[in-house]
Protein backbone atom coordinates (compact mmCIF):
# COMPACT_ATOMS: atom_id res chain seq x y z
CA UNK A 1 0.00 0.00 0.00
CA UNK A 2 3.04 2.26 -0.27
CA UNK A 3 1.55 4.08 -3.25
CA UNK A 4 -1.72 4.89 -1.48
CA UNK A 5 -2.81 8.42 -0.60
CA UNK A 6 -4.27 7.19 2.69
CA UNK A 7 -3.01 4.14 4.57
CA UNK A 8 -4.74 2.93 7.72
CA UNK A 9 -2.67 0.21 9.35
CA UNK A 10 -4.26 -2.08 11.97
CA UNK A 11 -5.98 0.79 13.77
CA UNK A 12 -7.81 0.35 17.09
CA UNK A 13 -9.85 3.28 18.43
CA UNK A 14 -10.98 3.90 21.98
CA UNK A 15 -13.80 6.32 22.79
CA UNK A 16 -14.66 7.17 26.41
CA UNK A 17 -12.97 4.01 27.66
CA UNK A 18 -14.68 1.70 25.16
CA UNK A 19 -12.92 0.20 22.17
CA UNK A 20 -15.00 0.90 19.05
CA UNK A 21 -12.72 0.01 16.14
CA UNK A 22 -10.66 -3.18 16.01
CA UNK A 23 -7.71 -3.71 13.67
CA UNK A 24 -8.91 -1.52 10.79
CA UNK A 25 -6.64 -1.62 7.74
CA UNK A 26 -7.55 0.26 4.58
CA UNK A 27 -5.81 1.94 1.67
CA UNK A 28 -7.23 4.65 -0.60
CA UNK A 29 -5.41 5.67 -3.76
CA UNK A 30 -5.34 9.09 -5.42
CA UNK A 31 -8.70 9.79 -7.04
CA UNK A 32 -10.34 6.57 -5.84
CA UNK A 33 -13.87 6.44 -4.47
CA UNK A 34 -14.46 4.08 -1.54
CA UNK A 35 -17.83 3.46 0.09
CA UNK A 36 -18.15 2.36 3.72
CA UNK A 37 -21.45 0.75 4.68
CA UNK A 38 -22.77 -1.21 7.63
CA UNK A 39 -25.53 -1.47 10.23
CA UNK A 40 -26.17 1.24 12.82
CA UNK A 41 -23.49 1.31 15.50
CA UNK A 42 -20.90 -0.38 13.31
CA UNK A 43 -18.29 2.35 13.93
CA UNK A 44 -18.39 4.03 10.52
CA UNK A 45 -18.61 7.61 11.81
CA UNK A 46 -15.95 6.80 14.41
CA UNK A 47 -13.56 5.99 11.58
CA UNK A 48 -14.35 9.30 9.88
CA UNK A 49 -13.72 11.32 13.05
CA UNK A 50 -10.54 9.36 13.70
CA UNK A 51 -9.15 10.08 10.24
CA UNK A 52 -9.91 13.79 10.68
CA UNK A 53 -8.08 13.85 14.03
CA UNK A 54 -10.98 14.50 16.43
CA UNK A 55 -9.37 14.69 19.90
CA UNK A 56 -12.05 12.48 21.51
CA UNK A 57 -11.25 9.59 19.16
CA UNK A 58 -7.86 8.30 20.27
CA UNK A 59 -5.89 5.49 18.71
CA UNK A 60 -5.04 2.65 21.07
CA UNK A 61 -3.13 0.86 18.32
CA UNK A 62 -2.02 1.18 14.71
CA UNK A 63 -0.86 4.05 12.51
CA UNK A 64 -2.36 6.40 9.90
CA UNK A 65 -0.36 7.64 6.90
CA UNK A 66 -1.35 10.34 4.40
CA UNK A 67 0.69 11.11 1.32
CA UNK A 68 3.37 8.76 2.63
CA UNK A 69 3.76 10.63 5.94
CA UNK A 70 2.73 9.47 9.40
CA UNK A 71 -0.11 11.70 10.64
CA UNK A 72 -1.16 9.53 13.58
CA UNK A 73 -0.36 12.23 16.15
CA UNK A 74 -1.33 15.27 14.06
CA UNK A 75 -4.18 17.60 15.04
CA UNK A 76 -7.27 18.15 12.89
CA UNK A 77 -6.13 21.55 11.59
CA UNK A 78 -2.84 20.12 10.33
CA UNK A 79 -4.66 17.27 8.61
CA UNK A 80 -7.00 19.79 6.96
CA UNK A 81 -3.99 21.71 5.62
CA UNK A 82 -2.68 18.46 4.15
CA UNK A 83 -5.93 18.14 2.22
CA UNK A 84 -8.30 16.02 4.33
CA UNK A 85 -11.92 17.15 4.50
CA UNK A 86 -14.76 15.81 6.64
CA UNK A 87 -18.43 16.63 6.13
CA UNK A 88 -20.64 16.22 9.19
CA UNK A 89 -23.92 14.35 9.66
CA UNK A 90 -25.30 17.33 11.59
CA UNK A 91 -23.33 20.49 10.72
CA UNK A 92 -23.04 23.10 13.47
CA UNK A 93 -24.67 26.53 13.30
CA UNK A 94 -22.23 29.45 13.59
CA UNK A 95 -24.00 32.78 14.26
CA UNK A 96 -22.14 35.90 13.17
CA UNK A 97 -20.05 34.21 10.47
CA UNK A 98 -21.41 34.17 6.94
CA UNK A 99 -21.11 31.11 4.73
CA UNK A 100 -18.98 33.08 2.27
CA UNK A 101 -16.62 34.37 4.99
CA UNK A 102 -16.26 30.92 6.49
CA UNK A 103 -15.32 29.29 3.19
CA UNK A 104 -12.96 32.12 2.23
CA UNK A 105 -11.21 31.98 5.61
CA UNK A 106 -10.98 28.18 5.42
CA UNK A 107 -9.49 28.39 1.93
CA UNK A 108 -6.84 30.85 3.11
CA UNK A 109 -5.97 28.65 6.09
CA UNK A 110 -5.70 25.50 3.99
CA UNK A 111 -3.73 27.00 1.09
CA UNK A 112 -1.72 29.50 3.11
CA UNK A 113 -2.35 32.03 0.34
CA UNK A 114 -4.38 35.23 0.18
CA UNK A 115 -7.68 34.68 -1.61
CA UNK A 116 -8.60 37.31 -4.23
CA UNK A 117 -12.15 38.39 -3.46
CA UNK A 118 -13.63 38.80 -6.95
CA UNK A 119 -12.22 35.54 -8.30
CA UNK A 120 -13.35 33.77 -5.13
CA UNK A 121 -16.89 35.13 -5.36
CA UNK A 122 -17.15 34.08 -9.01
CA UNK A 123 -16.01 30.52 -8.17
CA UNK A 124 -18.38 30.43 -5.20
CA UNK A 125 -21.37 31.41 -7.34
CA UNK A 126 -20.47 28.78 -9.94
CA UNK A 127 -20.30 26.10 -7.25
CA UNK A 128 -23.60 27.28 -5.78
CA UNK A 129 -25.19 26.96 -9.21
CA UNK A 130 -24.12 23.30 -9.36
CA UNK A 131 -26.00 22.76 -6.09
CA UNK A 132 -29.01 24.88 -7.10
CA UNK A 133 -28.33 27.21 -4.17
CA UNK A 134 -29.61 30.77 -4.20
CA UNK A 135 -26.62 33.12 -4.14
CA UNK A 136 -28.13 34.96 -1.17
CA UNK A 137 -27.12 32.03 1.05
CA UNK A 138 -23.51 33.23 0.79
CA UNK A 139 -24.37 36.18 3.05
CA UNK A 140 -26.37 34.18 5.59
CA UNK A 141 -24.84 33.06 8.89
CA UNK A 142 -23.31 29.60 8.54
CA UNK A 143 -26.10 27.00 8.81
CA UNK A 144 -28.26 29.30 10.98
CA UNK A 145 -31.88 28.69 10.04
CA UNK A 146 -30.83 26.31 7.27
CA UNK A 147 -32.97 23.25 6.64
CA UNK A 148 -31.34 19.82 6.77
CA UNK A 149 -30.97 19.79 3.01
CA UNK A 150 -29.52 23.32 2.94
CA UNK A 151 -26.93 22.37 5.56
CA UNK A 152 -25.85 19.36 3.51
CA UNK A 153 -25.61 21.53 0.38
CA UNK A 154 -23.45 23.99 2.33
CA UNK A 155 -21.12 21.11 3.27
CA UNK A 156 -20.77 20.04 -0.37
CA UNK A 157 -20.25 23.69 -1.34
CA UNK A 158 -17.26 23.75 1.01
CA UNK A 159 -16.03 20.53 -0.59
CA UNK A 160 -16.16 22.06 -4.07
CA UNK A 161 -14.40 25.24 -2.97
CA UNK A 162 -11.68 23.72 -0.78
CA UNK A 163 -10.81 20.96 -3.30
CA UNK A 164 -9.28 18.52 -0.78
CA UNK A 165 -7.11 15.56 -1.75
CA UNK A 166 -9.36 13.30 0.34
CA UNK A 167 -12.99 13.97 1.24
CA UNK A 168 -14.75 11.94 3.93
CA UNK A 169 -18.51 12.32 3.57
CA UNK A 170 -20.29 11.12 6.71
CA UNK A 171 -23.97 10.31 6.04
CA UNK A 172 -24.27 13.33 3.75
CA UNK A 173 -27.54 11.94 2.40
CA UNK A 174 -29.21 11.27 5.76
CA UNK A 175 -32.55 13.01 6.30
CA UNK A 176 -32.75 14.33 2.74
CA UNK A 177 -35.66 13.95 0.36
CA UNK A 178 -35.17 12.47 -3.11
CA UNK A 179 -34.60 15.81 -4.84
CA UNK A 180 -32.06 16.97 -2.25
CA UNK A 181 -30.16 13.67 -2.48
CA UNK A 182 -30.01 14.05 -6.26
CA UNK A 183 -28.64 17.61 -5.96
CA UNK A 184 -26.04 16.66 -3.34
CA UNK A 185 -25.03 13.67 -5.46
CA UNK A 186 -24.53 16.02 -8.41
CA UNK A 187 -22.17 18.12 -6.29
CA UNK A 188 -20.17 15.05 -5.27
CA UNK A 189 -20.05 13.95 -8.90
CA UNK A 190 -18.73 17.40 -9.83
CA UNK A 191 -15.98 17.03 -7.23
CA UNK A 192 -15.16 13.57 -8.55
CA UNK A 193 -14.87 14.74 -12.16
CA UNK A 194 -13.45 18.27 -11.87
CA UNK A 195 -11.24 18.03 -8.77
CA UNK A 196 -10.27 14.36 -8.97
CA UNK A 197 -9.86 14.01 -5.22
CA UNK A 198 -10.29 10.72 -3.39
CA UNK A 199 -13.56 9.99 -1.61
CA UNK A 200 -14.56 7.92 1.39
CA UNK A 201 -18.36 7.94 1.45
CA UNK A 202 -19.95 6.70 4.67
CA UNK A 203 -23.60 5.92 4.06
CA UNK A 204 -26.60 3.72 4.82
CA UNK A 205 -28.36 4.58 1.58
CA UNK A 206 -27.34 3.85 -2.01
CA UNK A 207 -29.23 6.75 -3.60
CA UNK A 208 -26.29 9.16 -3.38
CA UNK A 209 -24.10 6.60 -5.17
CA UNK A 210 -26.27 6.07 -8.24
CA UNK A 211 -24.47 8.61 -10.46
CA UNK A 212 -20.99 8.05 -8.98
CA UNK A 213 -18.20 5.72 -10.02
CA UNK A 214 -17.33 3.54 -7.02
CA UNK A 215 -13.98 1.70 -6.95
CA UNK A 216 -14.32 -0.20 -3.67
CA UNK A 217 -17.07 -0.96 -1.19
CA UNK A 218 -16.35 -1.98 2.42
CA UNK A 219 -18.78 -3.47 4.92
CA UNK A 220 -18.17 -2.66 8.59
CA UNK A 221 -19.76 -4.64 11.42
CA UNK A 222 -19.01 -4.20 15.14
CA UNK A 223 -15.94 -2.05 14.47
CA UNK A 224 -14.37 -4.43 11.93
CA UNK A 225 -14.25 -4.39 8.14
CA UNK A 226 -15.71 -7.80 7.36
CA UNK A 227 -15.98 -7.64 3.58
CA UNK A 228 -14.52 -5.64 0.68
CA UNK A 229 -15.64 -5.68 -2.94
CA UNK A 230 -15.93 -3.47 -5.98
CA UNK A 231 -18.73 -1.04 -6.85
CA UNK A 232 -21.17 -3.86 -7.62
CA UNK A 233 -21.23 -4.78 -3.94
CA UNK A 234 -23.40 -1.69 -3.37
CA UNK A 235 -26.14 -3.25 -5.48
CA UNK A 236 -25.97 -6.53 -3.57
CA UNK A 237 -26.32 -4.68 -0.26
CA UNK A 238 -29.20 -2.67 -1.68
CA UNK A 239 -31.01 -5.89 -2.63
CA UNK A 240 -30.22 -8.15 0.34
CA UNK A 241 -29.03 -5.93 3.18
CA UNK A 242 -26.06 -6.72 5.42
CA UNK A 243 -27.13 -10.09 6.81
CA UNK A 244 -25.05 -12.14 4.36
CA UNK A 245 -21.89 -10.20 5.24
CA UNK A 246 -22.07 -10.55 9.02
CA UNK A 247 -19.62 -13.26 10.17
CA UNK A 248 -21.13 -16.19 12.08
CA UNK A 249 -18.97 -15.47 15.12
CA UNK A 250 -20.46 -11.97 15.29
CA UNK A 251 -23.99 -13.36 15.06
CA UNK A 252 -23.16 -15.90 17.79
CA UNK A 253 -21.71 -13.18 20.02
CA UNK A 254 -24.82 -11.01 19.58
CA UNK A 255 -27.05 -13.99 20.40
CA UNK A 256 -25.09 -14.70 23.59
CA UNK A 257 -25.26 -11.03 24.56
CA UNK A 258 -29.03 -10.97 24.09
CA UNK A 259 -29.45 -14.17 26.12
CA UNK A 260 -27.27 -12.72 28.89
CA UNK A 261 -29.33 -9.52 28.92
CA UNK A 262 -32.57 -11.51 29.07
CA UNK A 263 -31.24 -13.65 31.92
CA UNK A 264 -30.15 -10.57 33.86
CA UNK A 265 -33.55 -8.94 33.33
CA UNK A 266 -35.25 -12.10 34.63
CA UNK A 267 -33.02 -12.23 37.72
CA UNK A 268 -33.63 -8.55 38.42
CA UNK A 269 -37.38 -9.16 38.21
CA UNK A 270 -37.11 -12.08 40.65
CA UNK A 271 -35.08 -9.99 43.09
CA UNK A 272 -37.55 -7.09 42.88
CA UNK A 273 -40.47 -9.45 43.50
CA UNK A 274 -38.66 -11.00 46.46
CA UNK A 275 -38.01 -7.62 48.05
CA UNK A 276 -41.61 -6.57 47.61
CA UNK A 277 -42.84 -9.79 49.19
CA UNK A 278 -44.53 -11.14 46.09
CA UNK A 279 -42.50 -14.35 46.28
């Protein structure tokens, strides 16, 4: 994997004292599009936050390399300057900072160069047109009063303007109606074609993927990547779900956990009845 843009080597991740990711290894090449899918609670978003350098998501094992350099200990801002971008499931509202000012400031921080206002505004309007965004949104406070779809469009607008080497899109399509998903997908397709950056798309749905070229699809279950295939794997998941990809040992462990929980609940009920004198 020496030629990969991103190399994740046997990574374990601990969050609030609980290990969420176990031995994750993954390589993403320049310009490749990878899709990460899996049931709720699989650890997909945890991987995204970990790659971006969120301080609450600490590695307990393994290393992360980007562009051939070890970034395991680097902060989020340094990773952003290297060209890593993360879109959020639920973007924050930032009163007092306009969308245009935020993107312009971010662009200056990432590139280290002064951004020429007129050229920037022209590029911003062109990107907004791709996303069918009214230009007036540029002057509105970042995400304040935005609908769910408008927030997701603002995230993709940032993607198109910042032109990262690697974009991690975390459930960008969640909570969107069909038309909004189609528009957001168009923005991602524009990034794929015009910028040529690599993509790691974390999603439950396959709608956002319909117009995109997918190189690899990964299935994550219980903090482990249990299956990897090409773009056609998305269609199989869409038809049959994740059941066929869940290892038997994981199913057995879940069954034992449920039985243990049921047994504990029964014992607690017996104890409560005994204390109350009903036994």
